[in-house]
Amino acid sequence: MRAEVVSVSQDYESPASDASLMARIAHPNNLKKAFQRVKRNKGAAGIDRMTVDDLFTRCCSFT
């Protein structure tokens, strides 16, 4: 009887690539584009009941 060899690859991202992904997501240009899309689509308030305009005001207070 022959044994079958099965190769299993672990496709996971390293913590360094996670940080890189977060850096790309949180980049100001990306956030600005995302905000503009939500605004253009008349995005509704989420579970936190924060409107798009409230979000913009809150984000601007950090800069």
Protein backbone atom coordinates (compact mmCIF):
# COMPACT_ATOMS: atom_id res chain seq x y z
CA MET A 1 0.00 0.00 0.00
CA ARG A 2 1.32 3.46 -0.89
CA ALA A 3 0.95 6.46 1.35
CA GLU A 4 -0.34 9.63 -0.24
CA VAL A 5 1.64 12.75 0.50
CA VAL A 6 -0.48 15.84 0.98
CA SER A 7 1.07 19.26 1.02
CA VAL A 8 -0.70 21.97 2.94
CA SER A 9 0.30 25.55 2.46
CA GLN A 10 -0.45 28.11 5.11
CA ASP A 11 -1.49 31.27 3.32
CA TYR A 12 -1.56 33.89 5.99
CA GLU A 13 -0.26 37.39 6.17
CA SER A 14 2.52 38.31 8.50
CA PRO A 15 2.03 41.09 11.05
CA ALA A 16 4.26 43.28 8.87
CA SER A 17 1.93 42.91 5.90
CA ASP A 18 -1.06 43.60 8.18
CA ALA A 19 0.56 46.88 9.18
CA SER A 20 1.20 47.68 5.54
CA LEU A 21 -2.44 46.99 4.70
CA MET A 22 -3.64 49.22 7.54
CA ALA A 23 -1.28 51.97 6.39
CA ARG A 24 -2.80 51.81 2.91
CA ILE A 25 -6.36 51.76 4.26
CA ALA A 26 -5.75 54.66 6.65
CA HIS A 27 -3.85 56.76 4.11
CA PRO A 28 -5.50 60.21 3.93
CA ASN A 29 -6.05 59.97 0.15
CA ASN A 30 -7.84 56.62 0.54
CA LEU A 31 -10.00 57.88 3.39
CA LYS A 32 -10.89 60.98 1.40
CA LYS A 33 -11.96 58.89 -1.60
CA ALA A 34 -14.01 56.58 0.62
CA PHE A 35 -15.70 59.54 2.31
CA GLN A 36 -16.53 61.10 -1.07
CA ARG A 37 -18.09 57.83 -2.29
CA VAL A 38 -20.25 57.50 0.81
CA LYS A 39 -21.32 61.14 0.53
CA ARG A 40 -22.08 60.79 -3.19
CA ASN A 41 -24.15 57.66 -2.50
CA LYS A 42 -25.99 59.47 0.30
CA GLY A 43 -24.78 56.91 2.84
CA ALA A 44 -27.07 56.41 5.79
CA ALA A 45 -26.00 56.63 9.40
CA GLY A 46 -24.65 53.38 10.79
CA ILE A 47 -25.23 51.67 14.10
CA ASP A 48 -23.56 54.61 15.84
CA ARG A 49 -26.13 56.95 14.21
CA MET A 50 -23.32 59.18 12.99
CA THR A 51 -24.20 60.89 9.74
CA VAL A 52 -21.69 61.50 6.97
CA ASP A 53 -21.59 65.19 7.90
CA ASP A 54 -21.00 64.32 11.57
CA LEU A 55 -18.16 62.03 10.54
CA PHE A 56 -16.55 64.75 8.44
CA THR A 57 -16.80 67.24 11.32
CA ARG A 58 -15.34 64.71 13.76
CA CYS A 59 -12.48 63.76 11.45
CA CYS A 60 -11.59 67.38 10.80
CA SER A 61 -11.34 68.05 14.52
CA PHE A 62 -8.33 65.68 14.71
CA THR A 63 -6.21 67.59 12.21
